[in-house]
Amino acid sequence: MPEVSPGATRNQFRAAKLAFAKKGMRAARSRGGLELAMTILKWALIFLLVSIVAGVLGFTGISAASADIARFLFYVFVVIFLVLLILGLTIFRA
């Protein structure tokens, strides 16, 4: 956290705290949420391909299970994407 002298006013402390929070949000945005969302989407596509290949080869149980996993991961991706989109358009704009 930025240095604030012991006799600092409340506004100075708030300004230092806000600067620290903005720096942390920028760092989190640059590496955290989007990377996680893309990884989830990649795994969803991998499970979708496994499901298709298993279905073509006749392994219907494996095909159904991997399709369910792919569907679940895709929905998780959509939720994370929408949350980050809404946050990007509202809170992180400042």
N, C-alpha and C. Protein backbone atom coordinates (compact mmCIF):
# COMPACT_ATOMS: atom_id res chain seq x y z
N MET A 1 0.84 -1.17 0.00
CA MET A 1 0.00 0.00 0.00
C MET A 1 0.89 1.23 0.00
N PRO A 2 0.50 2.31 -0.68
CA PRO A 2 1.30 3.52 -0.70
C PRO A 2 1.50 4.08 0.70
N GLU A 3 2.62 4.75 0.87
CA GLU A 3 2.95 5.32 2.18
C GLU A 3 2.03 6.48 2.50
N VAL A 4 1.49 6.47 3.70
CA VAL A 4 0.66 7.56 4.21
C VAL A 4 1.17 7.89 5.58
N SER A 5 1.44 9.18 5.81
CA SER A 5 1.99 9.59 7.10
C SER A 5 0.95 9.44 8.20
N PRO A 6 1.40 9.28 9.46
CA PRO A 6 0.45 9.08 10.55
C PRO A 6 -0.54 10.23 10.72
N GLY A 7 -0.15 11.45 10.37
CA GLY A 7 -1.05 12.59 10.53
C GLY A 7 -1.86 12.90 9.28
N ALA A 8 -1.96 11.96 8.37
CA ALA A 8 -2.66 12.20 7.11
C ALA A 8 -4.16 12.35 7.35
N THR A 9 -4.75 13.18 6.53
CA THR A 9 -6.19 13.36 6.66
C THR A 9 -6.93 12.16 6.08
N ARG A 10 -8.18 12.11 6.35
CA ARG A 10 -9.00 11.01 5.87
C ARG A 10 -9.02 10.95 4.34
N ASN A 11 -9.09 12.13 3.68
CA ASN A 11 -9.12 12.16 2.22
C ASN A 11 -7.82 11.67 1.61
N GLN A 12 -6.68 12.01 2.23
CA GLN A 12 -5.39 11.52 1.73
C GLN A 12 -5.31 10.00 1.84
N PHE A 13 -5.81 9.48 2.94
CA PHE A 13 -5.80 8.04 3.12
C PHE A 13 -6.70 7.36 2.09
N ARG A 14 -7.88 7.93 1.84
CA ARG A 14 -8.79 7.37 0.85
C ARG A 14 -8.16 7.40 -0.55
N ALA A 15 -7.48 8.50 -0.88
CA ALA A 15 -6.85 8.61 -2.20
C ALA A 15 -5.76 7.56 -2.36
N ALA A 16 -4.97 7.34 -1.33
CA ALA A 16 -3.91 6.34 -1.40
C ALA A 16 -4.51 4.94 -1.51
N LYS A 17 -5.58 4.69 -0.77
CA LYS A 17 -6.24 3.39 -0.81
C LYS A 17 -6.86 3.14 -2.19
N LEU A 18 -7.47 4.17 -2.78
CA LEU A 18 -8.07 4.05 -4.10
C LEU A 18 -7.01 3.79 -5.16
N ALA A 19 -5.88 4.47 -5.07
CA ALA A 19 -4.79 4.24 -6.04
C ALA A 19 -4.29 2.81 -5.96
N PHE A 20 -4.17 2.30 -4.76
CA PHE A 20 -3.71 0.92 -4.58
C PHE A 20 -4.73 -0.06 -5.15
N ALA A 21 -6.02 0.19 -4.92
CA ALA A 21 -7.07 -0.69 -5.41
C ALA A 21 -7.11 -0.69 -6.94
N LYS A 22 -6.96 0.48 -7.56
CA LYS A 22 -6.98 0.55 -9.03
C LYS A 22 -5.81 -0.22 -9.62
N LYS A 23 -4.64 -0.10 -8.99
CA LYS A 23 -3.46 -0.83 -9.48
C LYS A 23 -3.71 -2.33 -9.38
N GLY A 24 -4.31 -2.79 -8.30
CA GLY A 24 -4.60 -4.21 -8.12
C GLY A 24 -5.63 -4.71 -9.13
N MET A 25 -6.64 -3.90 -9.43
CA MET A 25 -7.66 -4.31 -10.39
C MET A 25 -7.07 -4.43 -11.79
N ARG A 26 -6.18 -3.48 -12.16
CA ARG A 26 -5.55 -3.56 -13.47
C ARG A 26 -4.72 -4.83 -13.60
N ALA A 27 -3.99 -5.17 -12.55
CA ALA A 27 -3.16 -6.37 -12.60
C ALA A 27 -4.03 -7.62 -12.67
N ALA A 28 -5.12 -7.65 -11.93
CA ALA A 28 -6.02 -8.80 -11.94
C ALA A 28 -6.69 -8.96 -13.30
N ARG A 29 -7.06 -7.85 -13.90
CA ARG A 29 -7.70 -7.90 -15.21
C ARG A 29 -6.75 -8.41 -16.27
N SER A 30 -5.49 -8.00 -16.16
CA SER A 30 -4.55 -8.35 -17.22
C SER A 30 -4.19 -9.83 -17.22
N ARG A 31 -4.35 -10.52 -16.11
CA ARG A 31 -3.92 -11.92 -16.11
C ARG A 31 -4.94 -12.90 -15.57
N GLY A 32 -5.93 -12.46 -14.82
CA GLY A 32 -6.77 -13.40 -14.09
C GLY A 32 -7.99 -13.90 -14.79
N GLY A 33 -9.03 -13.11 -14.84
CA GLY A 33 -10.33 -13.58 -15.27
C GLY A 33 -10.41 -14.04 -16.70
N LEU A 34 -9.83 -13.29 -17.61
CA LEU A 34 -9.93 -13.65 -19.02
C LEU A 34 -9.15 -14.94 -19.30
N GLU A 35 -8.01 -15.09 -18.67
CA GLU A 35 -7.22 -16.32 -18.86
C GLU A 35 -7.99 -17.53 -18.36
N LEU A 36 -8.64 -17.39 -17.22
CA LEU A 36 -9.44 -18.49 -16.68
C LEU A 36 -10.58 -18.83 -17.63
N ALA A 37 -11.25 -17.82 -18.15
CA ALA A 37 -12.38 -18.06 -19.05
C ALA A 37 -11.92 -18.76 -20.32
N MET A 38 -10.79 -18.35 -20.87
CA MET A 38 -10.30 -18.98 -22.10
C MET A 38 -9.88 -20.42 -21.84
N THR A 39 -9.31 -20.69 -20.68
CA THR A 39 -8.93 -22.06 -20.35
C THR A 39 -10.17 -22.94 -20.24
N ILE A 40 -11.21 -22.43 -19.62
CA ILE A 40 -12.45 -23.20 -19.50
C ILE A 40 -13.05 -23.47 -20.88
N LEU A 41 -13.01 -22.47 -21.75
CA LEU A 41 -13.54 -22.66 -23.10
C LEU A 41 -12.72 -23.70 -23.87
N LYS A 42 -11.41 -23.68 -23.71
CA LYS A 42 -10.57 -24.68 -24.38
C LYS A 42 -10.91 -26.09 -23.90
N TRP A 43 -11.10 -26.25 -22.59
CA TRP A 43 -11.45 -27.57 -22.07
C TRP A 43 -12.82 -28.01 -22.55
N ALA A 44 -13.75 -27.06 -22.66
CA ALA A 44 -15.08 -27.41 -23.18
C ALA A 44 -14.98 -27.90 -24.62
N LEU A 45 -14.15 -27.24 -25.43
CA LEU A 45 -13.98 -27.68 -26.81
C LEU A 45 -13.28 -29.03 -26.89
N ILE A 46 -12.32 -29.27 -26.00
CA ILE A 46 -11.65 -30.57 -25.98
C ILE A 46 -12.64 -31.69 -25.65
N PHE A 47 -13.48 -31.46 -24.63
CA PHE A 47 -14.47 -32.48 -24.27
C PHE A 47 -15.51 -32.66 -25.37
N LEU A 48 -15.83 -31.59 -26.09
CA LEU A 48 -16.76 -31.71 -27.21
C LEU A 48 -16.16 -32.59 -28.30
N LEU A 49 -14.89 -32.38 -28.61
CA LEU A 49 -14.23 -33.22 -29.61
C LEU A 49 -14.13 -34.67 -29.17
N VAL A 50 -13.84 -34.90 -27.89
CA VAL A 50 -13.80 -36.26 -27.35
C VAL A 50 -15.17 -36.91 -27.49
N SER A 51 -16.21 -36.14 -27.22
CA SER A 51 -17.57 -36.66 -27.33
C SER A 51 -17.91 -37.05 -28.77
N ILE A 52 -17.52 -36.21 -29.72
CA ILE A 52 -17.81 -36.50 -31.12
C ILE A 52 -17.05 -37.75 -31.59
N VAL A 53 -15.77 -37.81 -31.23
CA VAL A 53 -14.97 -38.96 -31.65
C VAL A 53 -15.50 -40.24 -31.00
N ALA A 54 -15.84 -40.17 -29.71
CA ALA A 54 -16.36 -41.35 -29.03
C ALA A 54 -17.71 -41.78 -29.63
N GLY A 55 -18.53 -40.80 -30.00
CA GLY A 55 -19.81 -41.14 -30.62
C GLY A 55 -19.64 -41.80 -31.97
N VAL A 56 -18.69 -41.30 -32.77
CA VAL A 56 -18.43 -41.90 -34.09
C VAL A 56 -17.92 -43.32 -33.94
N LEU A 57 -17.09 -43.56 -32.91
CA LEU A 57 -16.53 -44.89 -32.71
C LEU A 57 -17.47 -45.84 -31.98
N GLY A 58 -18.62 -45.33 -31.52
CA GLY A 58 -19.61 -46.21 -30.90
C GLY A 58 -19.56 -46.27 -29.38
N PHE A 59 -18.74 -45.47 -28.76
CA PHE A 59 -18.67 -45.45 -27.30
C PHE A 59 -19.69 -44.44 -26.78
N THR A 60 -20.95 -44.86 -26.72
CA THR A 60 -22.02 -43.92 -26.41
C THR A 60 -21.97 -43.43 -24.96
N GLY A 61 -21.55 -44.27 -24.04
CA GLY A 61 -21.46 -43.84 -22.64
C GLY A 61 -20.42 -42.75 -22.44
N ILE A 62 -19.25 -42.96 -23.02
CA ILE A 62 -18.19 -41.95 -22.93
C ILE A 62 -18.60 -40.69 -23.68
N SER A 63 -19.26 -40.87 -24.79
CA SER A 63 -19.71 -39.73 -25.58
C SER A 63 -20.71 -38.87 -24.79
N ALA A 64 -21.66 -39.51 -24.14
CA ALA A 64 -22.66 -38.76 -23.37
C ALA A 64 -22.02 -38.06 -22.17
N ALA A 65 -21.11 -38.76 -21.50
CA ALA A 65 -20.46 -38.16 -20.33
C ALA A 65 -19.61 -36.97 -20.71
N SER A 66 -18.82 -37.10 -21.77
CA SER A 66 -17.97 -35.98 -22.17
C SER A 66 -18.80 -34.82 -22.75
N ALA A 67 -19.93 -35.12 -23.37
CA ALA A 67 -20.81 -34.05 -23.84
C ALA A 67 -21.41 -33.29 -22.67
N ASP A 68 -21.77 -33.99 -21.60
CA ASP A 68 -22.28 -33.32 -20.40
C ASP A 68 -21.22 -32.43 -19.76
N ILE A 69 -20.00 -32.93 -19.70
CA ILE A 69 -18.90 -32.13 -19.14
C ILE A 69 -18.66 -30.90 -20.01
N ALA A 70 -18.66 -31.08 -21.33
CA ALA A 70 -18.45 -29.95 -22.25
C ALA A 70 -19.56 -28.92 -22.09
N ARG A 71 -20.79 -29.37 -21.97
CA ARG A 71 -21.92 -28.46 -21.79
C ARG A 71 -21.79 -27.67 -20.49
N PHE A 72 -21.43 -28.36 -19.41
CA PHE A 72 -21.26 -27.69 -18.12
C PHE A 72 -20.15 -26.65 -18.19
N LEU A 73 -19.00 -27.02 -18.76
CA LEU A 73 -17.88 -26.07 -18.86
C LEU A 73 -18.23 -24.88 -19.74
N PHE A 74 -19.00 -25.11 -20.79
CA PHE A 74 -19.41 -24.00 -21.65
C PHE A 74 -20.32 -23.04 -20.89
N TYR A 75 -21.24 -23.56 -20.09
CA TYR A 75 -22.11 -22.68 -19.31
C TYR A 75 -21.32 -21.90 -18.27
N VAL A 76 -20.34 -22.52 -17.66
CA VAL A 76 -19.47 -21.81 -16.71
C VAL A 76 -18.73 -20.70 -17.44
N PHE A 77 -18.22 -20.98 -18.64
CA PHE A 77 -17.55 -19.97 -19.44
C PHE A 77 -18.48 -18.80 -19.73
N VAL A 78 -19.70 -19.08 -20.13
CA VAL A 78 -20.65 -18.01 -20.46
C VAL A 78 -20.92 -17.14 -19.24
N VAL A 79 -21.08 -17.75 -18.08
CA VAL A 79 -21.33 -16.98 -16.86
C VAL A 79 -20.14 -16.09 -16.53
N ILE A 80 -18.93 -16.64 -16.58
CA ILE A 80 -17.74 -15.84 -16.29
C ILE A 80 -17.59 -14.72 -17.32
N PHE A 81 -17.85 -15.01 -18.58
CA PHE A 81 -17.75 -14.00 -19.62
C PHE A 81 -18.74 -12.86 -19.36
N LEU A 82 -19.98 -13.20 -19.04
CA LEU A 82 -20.98 -12.16 -18.80
C LEU A 82 -20.66 -11.32 -17.58
N VAL A 83 -20.17 -11.97 -16.52
CA VAL A 83 -19.80 -11.22 -15.31
C VAL A 83 -18.66 -10.26 -15.63
N LEU A 84 -17.64 -10.72 -16.32
CA LEU A 84 -16.52 -9.84 -16.67
C LEU A 84 -16.95 -8.75 -17.63
N LEU A 85 -17.86 -9.05 -18.55
CA LEU A 85 -18.36 -8.03 -19.47
C LEU A 85 -19.11 -6.94 -18.71
N ILE A 86 -20.00 -7.34 -17.81
CA ILE A 86 -20.76 -6.36 -17.04
C ILE A 86 -19.85 -5.54 -16.15
N LEU A 87 -18.88 -6.19 -15.50
CA LEU A 87 -17.93 -5.46 -14.66
C LEU A 87 -17.07 -4.52 -15.50
N GLY A 88 -16.68 -4.96 -16.67
CA GLY A 88 -15.87 -4.11 -17.54
C GLY A 88 -16.63 -2.90 -18.01
N LEU A 89 -17.92 -3.03 -18.23
CA LEU A 89 -18.71 -1.89 -18.69
C LEU A 89 -19.15 -0.97 -17.56
N THR A 90 -19.09 -1.44 -16.32
CA THR A 90 -19.57 -0.60 -15.22
C THR A 90 -18.45 -0.25 -14.24
N ILE A 91 -18.03 -1.17 -13.44
CA ILE A 91 -17.12 -0.89 -12.33
C ILE A 91 -15.71 -0.57 -12.81
N PHE A 92 -15.17 -1.39 -13.70
CA PHE A 92 -13.77 -1.22 -14.09
C PHE A 92 -13.55 -0.06 -15.04
N ARG A 93 -14.60 0.61 -15.46
CA ARG A 93 -14.47 1.71 -16.42
C ARG A 93 -13.67 2.86 -15.84
N ALA A 94 -13.81 3.10 -14.54
CA ALA A 94 -13.10 4.21 -13.89
C ALA A 94 -11.64 3.89 -13.83
